Amino acid sequence: MSTTMHIKSSERGVIRVFHIDLPREAIERFTTQAGTGEWPLQYALGAKSLRSAFVEVIDLRDLGEMSLSQYLINAHDVSGSDFSAMRPRLDALTGFVLVLPSQAFDQTAQDLTIATPLRWIGTFNEPKASMGAAKIQTKSAKGMVGTKSAPAPSSSKGLWVVIGLFVLIPLTIIIARFLMT
């Protein structure tokens, strides 16, 4: 049985977790993109666009004492009630998992058709970033100190002097070395 899911081109902050049901010796061949462009993992996802730099395959043994859910909290800042409810299921997994953040889909709208050996475990959201900081309302932030306004910028004459020094000093060194030889 396959699972389908739609990826929006504007998607941000979504993490998808899949279990990879393969023996250890078959994982590398399945998850590595060949020089010919063949990539069994991409085929099993049914993805038309997939960025390998964001594909994360985890051998759960490599986490040591850390649980998968704790890894997702630490590495991807995953949280929320859906995630909390899934923690026991995530932590019971063994073998290999695939973690795909939104960036893995290269801002490409696509429909995935998940096929074996992948099994979708869950989709989780990273916390939304705040929309921005409040504006600073002090006089100095407005370019004013005390009752005087900030000084007007100086002319570009000073800039040309600095550029001239950066050109003149190395030129002088080159000429002096030439004359010494």
N, C-alpha and C. Protein backbone atom coordinates (compact mmCIF):
# COMPACT_ATOMS: atom_id res chain seq x y z
N MET A 1 0.84 -1.18 0.00
CA MET A 1 0.00 0.00 0.00
C MET A 1 0.88 1.24 0.00
N SER A 2 0.58 2.20 -0.85
CA SER A 2 1.39 3.41 -0.91
C SER A 2 0.63 4.58 -0.29
N THR A 3 1.40 5.54 0.18
CA THR A 3 0.86 6.75 0.78
C THR A 3 1.15 7.89 -0.18
N THR A 4 0.21 8.81 -0.34
CA THR A 4 0.45 9.98 -1.18
C THR A 4 0.40 11.24 -0.32
N MET A 5 1.17 12.21 -0.72
CA MET A 5 1.17 13.52 -0.03
C MET A 5 1.57 14.59 -1.03
N HIS A 6 1.01 15.78 -0.83
CA HIS A 6 1.29 16.91 -1.70
C HIS A 6 2.29 17.84 -1.02
N ILE A 7 3.29 18.25 -1.77
CA ILE A 7 4.28 19.21 -1.29
C ILE A 7 4.02 20.52 -2.01
N LYS A 8 3.82 21.60 -1.27
CA LYS A 8 3.62 22.92 -1.88
C LYS A 8 4.98 23.56 -2.14
N SER A 9 5.07 24.36 -3.17
CA SER A 9 6.34 25.05 -3.47
C SER A 9 6.68 26.08 -2.39
N SER A 10 5.69 26.55 -1.68
CA SER A 10 5.91 27.56 -0.64
C SER A 10 6.10 26.94 0.75
N GLU A 11 6.16 25.64 0.83
CA GLU A 11 6.26 24.96 2.13
C GLU A 11 7.56 25.31 2.85
N ARG A 12 7.43 25.60 4.14
CA ARG A 12 8.59 25.91 5.00
C ARG A 12 8.36 25.28 6.37
N GLY A 13 9.42 24.84 7.01
CA GLY A 13 9.34 24.40 8.39
C GLY A 13 8.60 23.10 8.64
N VAL A 14 8.57 22.22 7.65
CA VAL A 14 7.90 20.93 7.81
C VAL A 14 8.97 19.83 7.77
N ILE A 15 8.86 18.88 8.69
CA ILE A 15 9.79 17.75 8.76
C ILE A 15 8.97 16.48 8.56
N ARG A 16 9.40 15.63 7.62
CA ARG A 16 8.74 14.34 7.39
C ARG A 16 9.70 13.23 7.80
N VAL A 17 9.16 12.24 8.48
CA VAL A 17 9.97 11.12 8.96
C VAL A 17 9.43 9.83 8.34
N PHE A 18 10.35 9.03 7.81
CA PHE A 18 10.02 7.74 7.19
C PHE A 18 10.92 6.66 7.77
N HIS A 19 10.37 5.48 7.93
CA HIS A 19 11.19 4.33 8.30
C HIS A 19 11.63 3.67 7.01
N ILE A 20 12.89 3.20 6.96
CA ILE A 20 13.40 2.51 5.78
C ILE A 20 13.49 1.03 6.13
N ASP A 21 12.66 0.22 5.52
CA ASP A 21 12.58 -1.21 5.83
C ASP A 21 13.47 -1.99 4.86
N LEU A 22 14.77 -1.91 5.12
CA LEU A 22 15.76 -2.64 4.31
C LEU A 22 16.82 -3.21 5.25
N PRO A 23 17.47 -4.28 4.83
CA PRO A 23 18.60 -4.77 5.63
C PRO A 23 19.75 -3.78 5.56
N ARG A 24 20.54 -3.77 6.60
CA ARG A 24 21.66 -2.84 6.73
C ARG A 24 22.54 -2.79 5.48
N GLU A 25 22.81 -3.93 4.87
CA GLU A 25 23.72 -3.98 3.72
C GLU A 25 23.12 -3.36 2.46
N ALA A 26 21.83 -3.10 2.43
CA ALA A 26 21.19 -2.52 1.25
C ALA A 26 20.95 -1.01 1.38
N ILE A 27 21.18 -0.46 2.55
CA ILE A 27 20.87 0.95 2.81
C ILE A 27 21.69 1.89 1.92
N GLU A 28 22.97 1.69 1.84
CA GLU A 28 23.81 2.63 1.07
C GLU A 28 23.41 2.67 -0.39
N ARG A 29 23.17 1.54 -0.99
CA ARG A 29 22.77 1.50 -2.40
C ARG A 29 21.44 2.21 -2.61
N PHE A 30 20.52 2.05 -1.65
CA PHE A 30 19.19 2.65 -1.75
C PHE A 30 19.23 4.17 -1.56
N THR A 31 20.06 4.64 -0.65
CA THR A 31 20.03 6.05 -0.27
C THR A 31 21.06 6.93 -0.99
N THR A 32 21.95 6.34 -1.77
CA THR A 32 23.00 7.11 -2.45
C THR A 32 22.63 7.31 -3.91
N GLN A 33 22.76 8.56 -4.35
CA GLN A 33 22.50 8.86 -5.76
C GLN A 33 23.71 8.43 -6.58
N ALA A 34 23.48 7.61 -7.58
CA ALA A 34 24.56 7.10 -8.43
C ALA A 34 25.05 8.20 -9.37
N GLY A 35 26.25 8.02 -9.88
CA GLY A 35 26.81 8.97 -10.84
C GLY A 35 25.97 9.07 -12.10
N THR A 36 25.21 8.06 -12.40
CA THR A 36 24.34 8.05 -13.58
C THR A 36 23.04 8.81 -13.33
N GLY A 37 22.84 9.24 -12.07
CA GLY A 37 21.62 9.95 -11.72
C GLY A 37 20.55 9.07 -11.11
N GLU A 38 20.74 7.76 -11.17
CA GLU A 38 19.77 6.86 -10.56
C GLU A 38 19.80 7.02 -9.05
N TRP A 39 18.61 7.05 -8.46
CA TRP A 39 18.52 7.25 -7.02
C TRP A 39 17.28 6.52 -6.52
N PRO A 40 17.43 5.29 -6.07
CA PRO A 40 16.29 4.51 -5.61
C PRO A 40 15.45 5.22 -4.54
N LEU A 41 16.08 5.98 -3.68
CA LEU A 41 15.34 6.71 -2.64
C LEU A 41 14.35 7.70 -3.27
N GLN A 42 14.80 8.45 -4.26
CA GLN A 42 13.93 9.41 -4.93
C GLN A 42 12.78 8.69 -5.62
N TYR A 43 13.06 7.53 -6.23
CA TYR A 43 12.01 6.76 -6.89
C TYR A 43 10.98 6.27 -5.87
N ALA A 44 11.44 5.80 -4.70
CA ALA A 44 10.52 5.29 -3.68
C ALA A 44 9.66 6.41 -3.09
N LEU A 45 10.16 7.63 -3.11
CA LEU A 45 9.37 8.78 -2.66
C LEU A 45 8.39 9.22 -3.76
N GLY A 46 8.73 8.92 -5.00
CA GLY A 46 7.93 9.42 -6.11
C GLY A 46 8.15 10.91 -6.31
N ALA A 47 9.32 11.41 -5.88
CA ALA A 47 9.62 12.84 -5.95
C ALA A 47 10.21 13.20 -7.31
N LYS A 48 9.73 14.30 -7.88
CA LYS A 48 10.33 14.75 -9.14
C LYS A 48 11.55 15.62 -8.88
N SER A 49 11.64 16.23 -7.69
CA SER A 49 12.80 17.04 -7.33
C SER A 49 13.17 16.74 -5.88
N LEU A 50 14.45 16.43 -5.66
CA LEU A 50 14.93 16.12 -4.32
C LEU A 50 16.38 16.55 -4.20
N ARG A 51 16.67 17.38 -3.21
CA ARG A 51 18.03 17.88 -3.00
C ARG A 51 18.76 16.98 -2.01
N SER A 52 19.79 16.31 -2.47
CA SER A 52 20.52 15.35 -1.65
C SER A 52 21.15 15.98 -0.41
N ALA A 53 21.49 17.26 -0.48
CA ALA A 53 22.12 17.93 0.66
C ALA A 53 21.20 17.98 1.87
N PHE A 54 19.90 17.86 1.67
CA PHE A 54 18.95 17.94 2.78
C PHE A 54 18.32 16.59 3.12
N VAL A 55 18.76 15.55 2.46
CA VAL A 55 18.26 14.21 2.75
C VAL A 55 19.09 13.65 3.91
N GLU A 56 18.41 13.28 4.97
CA GLU A 56 19.10 12.81 6.17
C GLU A 56 18.68 11.36 6.46
N VAL A 57 19.63 10.45 6.30
CA VAL A 57 19.40 9.04 6.61
C VAL A 57 20.12 8.75 7.92
N ILE A 58 19.36 8.25 8.90
CA ILE A 58 19.92 8.06 10.24
C ILE A 58 19.88 6.59 10.61
N ASP A 59 21.05 6.06 10.95
CA ASP A 59 21.14 4.74 11.56
C ASP A 59 20.84 4.97 13.04
N LEU A 60 19.74 4.48 13.51
CA LEU A 60 19.31 4.77 14.88
C LEU A 60 20.32 4.28 15.92
N ARG A 61 21.15 3.32 15.55
CA ARG A 61 22.21 2.88 16.48
C ARG A 61 23.22 4.00 16.71
N ASP A 62 23.41 4.86 15.70
CA ASP A 62 24.38 5.95 15.83
C ASP A 62 23.95 7.01 16.84
N LEU A 63 22.68 7.03 17.20
CA LEU A 63 22.21 8.02 18.18
C LEU A 63 22.60 7.63 19.60
N GLY A 64 23.07 6.41 19.79
CA GLY A 64 23.49 5.97 21.13
C GLY A 64 22.32 6.00 22.10
N GLU A 65 22.49 6.71 23.20
CA GLU A 65 21.46 6.80 24.23
C GLU A 65 20.36 7.80 23.88
N MET A 66 20.58 8.62 22.86
CA MET A 66 19.58 9.62 22.48
C MET A 66 18.45 8.96 21.70
N SER A 67 17.24 9.31 22.04
CA SER A 67 16.08 8.77 21.31
C SER A 67 15.90 9.56 20.01
N LEU A 68 15.15 8.98 19.08
CA LEU A 68 14.87 9.66 17.82
C LEU A 68 14.09 10.95 18.07
N SER A 69 13.13 10.89 18.98
CA SER A 69 12.34 12.10 19.25
C SER A 69 13.22 13.21 19.83
N GLN A 70 14.16 12.84 20.69
CA GLN A 70 15.07 13.86 21.24
C GLN A 70 15.97 14.42 20.15
N TYR A 71 16.40 13.57 19.23
CA TYR A 71 17.20 14.03 18.10
C TYR A 71 16.41 15.05 17.27
N LEU A 72 15.14 14.75 16.99
CA LEU A 72 14.32 15.66 16.19
C LEU A 72 14.11 17.00 16.91
N ILE A 73 14.01 16.96 18.22
CA ILE A 73 13.90 18.20 19.00
C ILE A 73 15.19 19.00 18.88
N ASN A 74 16.32 18.33 19.08
CA ASN A 74 17.62 19.01 19.06
C ASN A 74 18.02 19.49 17.67
N ALA A 75 17.87 18.65 16.68
CA ALA A 75 18.35 18.96 15.33
C ALA A 75 17.38 19.80 14.52
N HIS A 76 16.08 19.62 14.74
CA HIS A 76 15.09 20.29 13.89
C HIS A 76 14.09 21.14 14.66
N ASP A 77 14.26 21.22 15.97
CA ASP A 77 13.40 22.06 16.81
C ASP A 77 11.93 21.68 16.67
N VAL A 78 11.67 20.39 16.47
CA VAL A 78 10.30 19.91 16.32
C VAL A 78 9.59 19.96 17.67
N SER A 79 8.33 20.37 17.66
CA SER A 79 7.53 20.43 18.89
C SER A 79 6.06 20.34 18.51
N GLY A 80 5.19 20.48 19.47
CA GLY A 80 3.75 20.48 19.23
C GLY A 80 3.08 19.24 19.77
N SER A 81 1.77 19.30 19.86
CA SER A 81 1.00 18.20 20.45
C SER A 81 1.03 16.95 19.56
N ASP A 82 1.02 17.12 18.23
CA ASP A 82 1.10 15.96 17.33
C ASP A 82 2.42 15.23 17.54
N PHE A 83 3.48 15.99 17.66
CA PHE A 83 4.79 15.40 17.88
C PHE A 83 4.85 14.70 19.24
N SER A 84 4.35 15.34 20.27
CA SER A 84 4.35 14.73 21.61
C SER A 84 3.61 13.40 21.60
N ALA A 85 2.50 13.34 20.90
CA ALA A 85 1.72 12.10 20.84
C ALA A 85 2.47 11.00 20.09
N MET A 86 3.33 11.37 19.14
CA MET A 86 4.07 10.40 18.32
C MET A 86 5.38 9.96 18.93
N ARG A 87 5.83 10.62 19.99
CA ARG A 87 7.15 10.31 20.55
C ARG A 87 7.34 8.84 20.89
N PRO A 88 6.39 8.16 21.54
CA PRO A 88 6.60 6.74 21.83
C PRO A 88 6.78 5.91 20.56
N ARG A 89 6.01 6.20 19.53
CA ARG A 89 6.14 5.45 18.27
C ARG A 89 7.49 5.73 17.61
N LEU A 90 7.92 6.99 17.60
CA LEU A 90 9.22 7.35 17.02
C LEU A 90 10.34 6.64 17.76
N ASP A 91 10.26 6.64 19.09
CA ASP A 91 11.34 6.08 19.90
C ASP A 91 11.38 4.55 19.86
N ALA A 92 10.31 3.92 19.39
CA ALA A 92 10.27 2.46 19.28
C ALA A 92 10.87 1.96 17.97
N LEU A 93 11.14 2.85 17.03
CA LEU A 93 11.69 2.44 15.73
C LEU A 93 13.10 1.90 15.89
N THR A 94 13.48 0.98 15.02
CA THR A 94 14.84 0.44 14.96
C THR A 94 15.28 0.48 13.50
N GLY A 95 16.57 0.34 13.30
CA GLY A 95 17.10 0.32 11.94
C GLY A 95 17.43 1.71 11.44
N PHE A 96 16.86 2.08 10.31
CA PHE A 96 17.18 3.33 9.65
C PHE A 96 15.92 4.17 9.44
N VAL A 97 16.08 5.48 9.56
CA VAL A 97 14.98 6.40 9.26
C VAL A 97 15.48 7.45 8.28
N LEU A 98 14.54 8.01 7.57
CA LEU A 98 14.78 9.10 6.63
C LEU A 98 14.09 10.33 7.18
N VAL A 99 14.83 11.42 7.30
CA VAL A 99 14.26 12.69 7.76
C VAL A 99 14.38 13.69 6.61
N LEU A 100 13.24 14.24 6.20
CA LEU A 100 13.22 15.18 5.09
C LEU A 100 12.61 16.50 5.51
N PRO A 101 13.42 17.56 5.62
CA PRO A 101 12.87 18.89 5.87
C PRO A 101 12.34 19.47 4.56
N SER A 102 11.57 20.51 4.65
CA SER A 102 10.98 21.14 3.46
C SER A 102 12.02 21.48 2.40
N GLN A 103 13.21 21.89 2.81
CA GLN A 103 14.25 22.28 1.87
C GLN A 103 14.64 21.15 0.91
N ALA A 104 14.41 19.91 1.31
CA ALA A 104 14.78 18.77 0.47
C ALA A 104 14.00 18.76 -0.84
N PHE A 105 12.85 19.43 -0.87
CA PHE A 105 12.02 19.40 -2.07
C PHE A 105 12.27 20.58 -3.00
N ASP A 106 13.27 21.39 -2.70
CA ASP A 106 13.76 22.43 -3.60
C ASP A 106 12.68 23.42 -4.05
N GLN A 107 11.76 23.75 -3.16
CA GLN A 107 10.68 24.70 -3.45
C GLN A 107 9.92 24.31 -4.72
N THR A 108 9.76 23.00 -4.91
CA THR A 108 9.07 22.49 -6.09
C THR A 108 7.77 21.83 -5.67
N ALA A 109 6.65 22.30 -6.19
CA ALA A 109 5.37 21.66 -5.91
C ALA A 109 5.38 20.28 -6.55
N GLN A 110 5.00 19.28 -5.77
CA GLN A 110 5.00 17.92 -6.30
C GLN A 110 4.13 17.02 -5.44
N ASP A 111 3.68 15.95 -6.04
CA ASP A 111 2.92 14.93 -5.33
C ASP A 111 3.81 13.72 -5.14
N LEU A 112 3.97 13.32 -3.89
CA LEU A 112 4.77 12.15 -3.57
C LEU A 112 3.86 10.93 -3.51
N THR A 113 4.38 9.83 -3.97
CA THR A 113 3.71 8.54 -3.81
C THR A 113 4.72 7.63 -3.14
N ILE A 114 4.57 7.48 -1.84
CA ILE A 114 5.55 6.76 -1.03
C ILE A 114 5.35 5.25 -1.24
N ALA A 115 6.44 4.59 -1.62
CA ALA A 115 6.39 3.15 -1.88
C ALA A 115 7.43 2.43 -1.02
N THR A 116 7.28 1.12 -0.93
CA THR A 116 8.25 0.33 -0.17
C THR A 116 9.62 0.50 -0.79
N PRO A 117 10.64 0.51 -0.01
CA PRO A 117 10.76 0.12 1.39
C PRO A 117 10.52 1.26 2.38
N LEU A 118 9.97 2.39 1.92
CA LEU A 118 9.71 3.51 2.82
C LEU A 118 8.32 3.36 3.45
N ARG A 119 8.25 3.75 4.71
CA ARG A 119 6.97 3.77 5.42
C ARG A 119 6.90 5.11 6.16
N TRP A 120 5.91 5.89 5.80
CA TRP A 120 5.73 7.21 6.41
C TRP A 120 5.37 7.04 7.88
N ILE A 121 6.09 7.77 8.74
CA ILE A 121 5.84 7.72 10.19
C ILE A 121 5.08 8.95 10.64
N GLY A 122 5.52 10.12 10.21
CA GLY A 122 4.82 11.32 10.64
C GLY A 122 5.37 12.57 9.97
N THR A 123 4.55 13.62 10.01
CA THR A 123 4.92 14.94 9.49
C THR A 123 4.77 15.92 10.64
N PHE A 124 5.83 16.69 10.88
CA PHE A 124 5.85 17.59 12.03
C PHE A 124 6.28 18.98 11.60
N ASN A 125 5.89 19.97 12.38
CA ASN A 125 6.22 21.35 12.06
C ASN A 125 7.27 21.89 13.01
N GLU A 126 8.18 22.67 12.44
CA GLU A 126 9.10 23.44 13.26
C GLU A 126 8.33 24.66 13.75
N PRO A 127 8.73 25.25 14.88
CA PRO A 127 8.03 26.45 15.34
C PRO A 127 8.16 27.56 14.30
N LYS A 128 7.12 28.34 14.15
CA LYS A 128 7.15 29.47 13.21
C LYS A 128 8.04 30.57 13.78
N ALA A 129 8.83 31.16 12.91
CA ALA A 129 9.68 32.28 13.31
C ALA A 129 8.81 33.50 13.57
N SER A 130 9.23 34.32 14.50
CA SER A 130 8.46 35.54 14.77
C SER A 130 8.57 36.47 13.58
N MET A 131 7.58 37.31 13.42
CA MET A 131 7.50 38.17 12.25
C MET A 131 8.49 39.35 12.31
N GLY A 132 9.20 39.51 13.36
CA GLY A 132 10.17 40.60 13.44
C GLY A 132 10.13 41.26 14.80
N ALA A 133 11.16 41.96 15.09
CA ALA A 133 11.26 42.63 16.37
C ALA A 133 10.52 43.96 16.33
N ALA A 134 10.14 44.41 17.49
CA ALA A 134 9.49 45.72 17.59
C ALA A 134 10.51 46.81 17.25
N LYS A 135 10.02 47.89 16.68
CA LYS A 135 10.90 48.99 16.31
C LYS A 135 11.42 49.69 17.56
N ILE A 136 12.67 50.09 17.50
CA ILE A 136 13.28 50.82 18.61
C ILE A 136 12.87 52.28 18.46
N GLN A 137 12.41 52.86 19.55
CA GLN A 137 11.85 54.20 19.51
C GLN A 137 12.74 55.25 20.18
N THR A 138 14.01 54.95 20.45
CA THR A 138 14.86 55.93 21.11
C THR A 138 15.33 57.00 20.14
N LYS A 139 15.78 58.14 20.69
CA LYS A 139 16.27 59.23 19.84
C LYS A 139 17.51 58.80 19.06
N SER A 140 18.38 58.03 19.70
CA SER A 140 19.60 57.62 19.00
C SER A 140 19.28 56.68 17.84
N ALA A 141 18.24 55.88 17.95
CA ALA A 141 17.85 55.01 16.85
C ALA A 141 17.31 55.82 15.69
N LYS A 142 16.80 57.00 15.96
CA LYS A 142 16.29 57.87 14.90
C LYS A 142 17.37 58.79 14.35
N GLY A 143 18.61 58.62 14.84
CA GLY A 143 19.71 59.44 14.35
C GLY A 143 19.87 60.74 15.11
N MET A 144 19.28 60.80 16.29
CA MET A 144 19.36 62.03 17.08
C MET A 144 19.96 61.72 18.44
N VAL A 145 20.88 62.56 18.87
CA VAL A 145 21.42 62.46 20.21
C VAL A 145 21.17 63.79 20.88
N GLY A 146 20.55 63.75 22.01
CA GLY A 146 20.19 65.01 22.67
C GLY A 146 19.16 65.72 21.81
N THR A 147 19.39 67.01 21.52
CA THR A 147 18.45 67.76 20.68
C THR A 147 19.01 68.00 19.29
N LYS A 148 20.27 67.65 19.07
CA LYS A 148 20.87 67.84 17.75
C LYS A 148 20.61 66.62 16.88
N SER A 149 20.47 66.86 15.60
CA SER A 149 20.29 65.73 14.69
C SER A 149 21.66 65.16 14.34
N ALA A 150 21.67 63.99 13.79
CA ALA A 150 22.91 63.34 13.40
C ALA A 150 23.60 64.17 12.33
N PRO A 151 24.94 64.17 12.33
CA PRO A 151 25.65 64.96 11.32
C PRO A 151 25.39 64.42 9.92
N ALA A 152 25.42 65.33 8.96
CA ALA A 152 25.24 64.95 7.57
C ALA A 152 26.45 64.15 7.11
N PRO A 153 26.24 63.21 6.26
CA PRO A 153 27.39 62.44 5.77
C PRO A 153 28.37 63.34 5.04
N SER A 154 29.67 63.03 5.20
CA SER A 154 30.70 63.84 4.55
C SER A 154 30.72 63.55 3.06
N SER A 155 31.41 64.37 2.34
CA SER A 155 31.47 64.23 0.88
C SER A 155 32.27 62.99 0.51
N SER A 156 32.23 62.64 -0.75
CA SER A 156 32.94 61.47 -1.22
C SER A 156 34.44 61.74 -1.36
N LYS A 157 34.88 62.98 -1.08
CA LYS A 157 36.30 63.32 -1.17
C LYS A 157 37.12 62.44 -0.23
N GLY A 158 36.63 62.22 1.00
CA GLY A 158 37.34 61.39 1.97
C GLY A 158 37.45 59.96 1.49
N LEU A 159 36.44 59.47 0.81
CA LEU A 159 36.46 58.11 0.29
C LEU A 159 37.57 57.96 -0.75
N TRP A 160 37.72 58.94 -1.61
CA TRP A 160 38.76 58.88 -2.64
C TRP A 160 40.15 58.93 -2.03
N VAL A 161 40.30 59.64 -0.94
CA VAL A 161 41.60 59.69 -0.26
C VAL A 161 41.95 58.29 0.27
N VAL A 162 40.99 57.62 0.87
CA VAL A 162 41.23 56.28 1.41
C VAL A 162 41.55 55.30 0.28
N ILE A 163 40.80 55.36 -0.81
CA ILE A 163 41.06 54.48 -1.95
C ILE A 163 42.45 54.76 -2.52
N GLY A 164 42.79 56.03 -2.61
CA GLY A 164 44.11 56.40 -3.11
C GLY A 164 45.23 55.83 -2.25
N LEU A 165 45.06 55.85 -0.93
CA LEU A 165 46.07 55.29 -0.04
C LEU A 165 46.21 53.78 -0.24
N PHE A 166 45.08 53.09 -0.43
CA PHE A 166 45.14 51.64 -0.64
C PHE A 166 45.82 51.29 -1.95
N VAL A 167 45.77 52.16 -2.92
CA VAL A 167 46.44 51.92 -4.19
C VAL A 167 47.89 52.39 -4.12
N LEU A 168 48.12 53.53 -3.50
CA LEU A 168 49.44 54.14 -3.47
C LEU A 168 50.44 53.35 -2.64
N ILE A 169 50.04 52.85 -1.50
CA ILE A 169 50.97 52.13 -0.62
C ILE A 169 51.51 50.87 -1.29
N PRO A 170 50.68 49.97 -1.82
CA PRO A 170 51.25 48.79 -2.49
C PRO A 170 52.09 49.15 -3.71
N LEU A 171 51.68 50.19 -4.44
CA LEU A 171 52.44 50.62 -5.60
C LEU A 171 53.83 51.10 -5.19
N THR A 172 53.92 51.84 -4.09
CA THR A 172 55.21 52.32 -3.57
C THR A 172 56.10 51.15 -3.19
N ILE A 173 55.53 50.13 -2.56
CA ILE A 173 56.32 48.96 -2.14
C ILE A 173 56.85 48.23 -3.37
N ILE A 174 56.04 48.08 -4.39
CA ILE A 174 56.46 47.38 -5.62
C ILE A 174 57.59 48.16 -6.30
N ILE A 175 57.47 49.47 -6.38
CA ILE A 175 58.51 50.29 -7.01
C ILE A 175 59.80 50.21 -6.22
N ALA A 176 59.69 50.28 -4.87
CA ALA A 176 60.90 50.23 -4.04
C ALA A 176 61.60 48.90 -4.20
N ARG A 177 60.89 47.79 -4.26
CA ARG A 177 61.51 46.47 -4.45
C ARG A 177 62.19 46.40 -5.83
N PHE A 178 61.54 46.98 -6.85
CA PHE A 178 62.09 46.97 -8.19
C PHE A 178 63.41 47.74 -8.23
N LEU A 179 63.45 48.91 -7.56
CA LEU A 179 64.66 49.73 -7.57
C LEU A 179 65.78 49.11 -6.76
N MET A 180 65.48 48.29 -5.76
CA MET A 180 66.52 47.66 -4.93
C MET A 180 67.18 46.49 -5.64
N THR A 181 66.54 45.93 -6.65
CA THR A 181 67.13 44.77 -7.33
C THR A 181 67.99 45.16 -8.49
